[in-house]
Amino acid sequence: MTRNMEVDPFNVSMRKFLKQVGVTSQHAIEKAVEDAGLQGKGTLTVKAVITAEGTPLNHVVEGEIDLG
């Protein structure tokens, strides 16, 4: 197997986790917007916090979503 064809388990696992975070977060935000009747009403301020057990990781991403 050449170096380019090798699979790095860490990166594969991380990408799978991040995909799950993205998909489940999108569904949760869509439901919250729908339940609160916020469609078409300005912007929604959001924050995501990523922590990793056994590490000092506390990564915060903040932003706004245009509600159309």
C-alpha atoms as a PDB file:
ATOM      1  CA  MET A   1       0.000   0.000   0.000  1.00  0.00           C
ATOM      2  CA  THR A   2       1.444   3.384  -0.953  1.00  0.00           C
ATOM      3  CA  ARG A   3       1.637   6.243   1.496  1.00  0.00           C
ATOM      4  CA  ASN A   4      -1.197   8.125  -0.278  1.00  0.00           C
ATOM      5  CA  MET A   5      -3.507   5.124   0.037  1.00  0.00           C
ATOM      6  CA  GLU A   6      -2.930   4.579   3.758  1.00  0.00           C
ATOM      7  CA  VAL A   7      -5.884   5.358   5.993  1.00  0.00           C
ATOM      8  CA  ASP A   8      -5.170   7.359   9.136  1.00  0.00           C
ATOM      9  CA  PRO A   9      -7.644   6.049  11.755  1.00  0.00           C
ATOM     10  CA  PHE A  10      -7.426   9.294  13.768  1.00  0.00           C
ATOM     11  CA  ASN A  11      -8.430  11.486  10.816  1.00  0.00           C
ATOM     12  CA  VAL A  12     -11.157   9.088   9.678  1.00  0.00           C
ATOM     13  CA  SER A  13     -12.617   8.969  13.185  1.00  0.00           C
ATOM     14  CA  MET A  14     -12.377  12.752  13.615  1.00  0.00           C
ATOM     15  CA  ARG A  15     -14.086  13.398  10.277  1.00  0.00           C
ATOM     16  CA  LYS A  16     -16.884  10.979  11.210  1.00  0.00           C
ATOM     17  CA  PHE A  17     -17.381  12.789  14.548  1.00  0.00           C
ATOM     18  CA  LEU A  18     -17.370  16.239  12.927  1.00  0.00           C
ATOM     19  CA  LYS A  19     -19.885  15.096  10.306  1.00  0.00           C
ATOM     20  CA  GLN A  20     -22.148  13.836  13.097  1.00  0.00           C
ATOM     21  CA  VAL A  21     -21.763  17.164  14.944  1.00  0.00           C
ATOM     22  CA  GLY A  22     -22.663  19.102  11.812  1.00  0.00           C
ATOM     23  CA  VAL A  23     -25.693  17.052  10.839  1.00  0.00           C
ATOM     24  CA  THR A  24     -27.177  16.718  14.329  1.00  0.00           C
ATOM     25  CA  SER A  25     -26.518  20.386  15.116  1.00  0.00           C
ATOM     26  CA  GLN A  26     -28.224  21.511  11.926  1.00  0.00           C
ATOM     27  CA  HIS A  27     -31.307  19.438  12.759  1.00  0.00           C
ATOM     28  CA  ALA A  28     -31.393  20.767  16.336  1.00  0.00           C
ATOM     29  CA  ILE A  29     -31.094  24.399  15.172  1.00  0.00           C
ATOM     30  CA  GLU A  30     -33.766  23.934  12.499  1.00  0.00           C
ATOM     31  CA  LYS A  31     -36.147  22.462  15.088  1.00  0.00           C
ATOM     32  CA  ALA A  32     -35.435  25.244  17.595  1.00  0.00           C
ATOM     33  CA  VAL A  33     -36.094  27.911  14.949  1.00  0.00           C
ATOM     34  CA  GLU A  34     -39.308  26.199  13.856  1.00  0.00           C
ATOM     35  CA  ASP A  35     -40.548  25.615  17.424  1.00  0.00           C
ATOM     36  CA  ALA A  36     -39.890  29.262  18.337  1.00  0.00           C
ATOM     37  CA  GLY A  37     -41.518  30.567  15.157  1.00  0.00           C
ATOM     38  CA  LEU A  38     -38.384  32.469  14.169  1.00  0.00           C
ATOM     39  CA  GLN A  39     -38.343  31.769  10.421  1.00  0.00           C
ATOM     40  CA  GLY A  40     -37.737  34.997   8.494  1.00  0.00           C
ATOM     41  CA  LYS A  41     -37.096  37.011  11.659  1.00  0.00           C
ATOM     42  CA  GLY A  42     -33.594  38.454  11.529  1.00  0.00           C
ATOM     43  CA  THR A  43     -30.656  36.470  12.801  1.00  0.00           C
ATOM     44  CA  LEU A  44     -30.032  33.800  15.389  1.00  0.00           C
ATOM     45  CA  THR A  45     -26.881  33.987  17.507  1.00  0.00           C
ATOM     46  CA  VAL A  46     -25.419  30.531  18.058  1.00  0.00           C
ATOM     47  CA  LYS A  47     -22.505  29.038  19.965  1.00  0.00           C
ATOM     48  CA  ALA A  48     -20.919  25.594  19.769  1.00  0.00           C
ATOM     49  CA  VAL A  49     -18.590  24.305  22.468  1.00  0.00           C
ATOM     50  CA  ILE A  50     -16.313  21.318  21.876  1.00  0.00           C
ATOM     51  CA  THR A  51     -14.630  19.654  24.832  1.00  0.00           C
ATOM     52  CA  ALA A  52     -12.577  16.479  24.995  1.00  0.00           C
ATOM     53  CA  GLU A  53     -12.592  14.362  28.116  1.00  0.00           C
ATOM     54  CA  GLY A  54      -9.142  14.099  29.673  1.00  0.00           C
ATOM     55  CA  THR A  55      -7.804  17.151  27.850  1.00  0.00           C
ATOM     56  CA  PRO A  56      -7.939  20.904  28.476  1.00  0.00           C
ATOM     57  CA  LEU A  57      -9.789  21.393  25.154  1.00  0.00           C
ATOM     58  CA  ASN A  58     -12.581  23.969  25.353  1.00  0.00           C
ATOM     59  CA  HIS A  59     -13.086  25.183  21.777  1.00  0.00           C
ATOM     60  CA  VAL A  60     -15.856  27.744  21.280  1.00  0.00           C
ATOM     61  CA  VAL A  61     -17.276  28.756  17.905  1.00  0.00           C
ATOM     62  CA  GLU A  62     -19.764  31.616  17.831  1.00  0.00           C
ATOM     63  CA  GLY A  63     -21.693  33.037  14.929  1.00  0.00           C
ATOM     64  CA  GLU A  64     -24.966  34.210  13.524  1.00  0.00           C
ATOM     65  CA  ILE A  65     -27.420  32.428  11.255  1.00  0.00           C
ATOM     66  CA  ASP A  66     -29.543  34.496   8.876  1.00  0.00           C
ATOM     67  CA  LEU A  67     -33.136  33.401   9.376  1.00  0.00           C
ATOM     68  CA  GLY A  68     -34.156  34.756   5.994  1.00  0.00           C
END
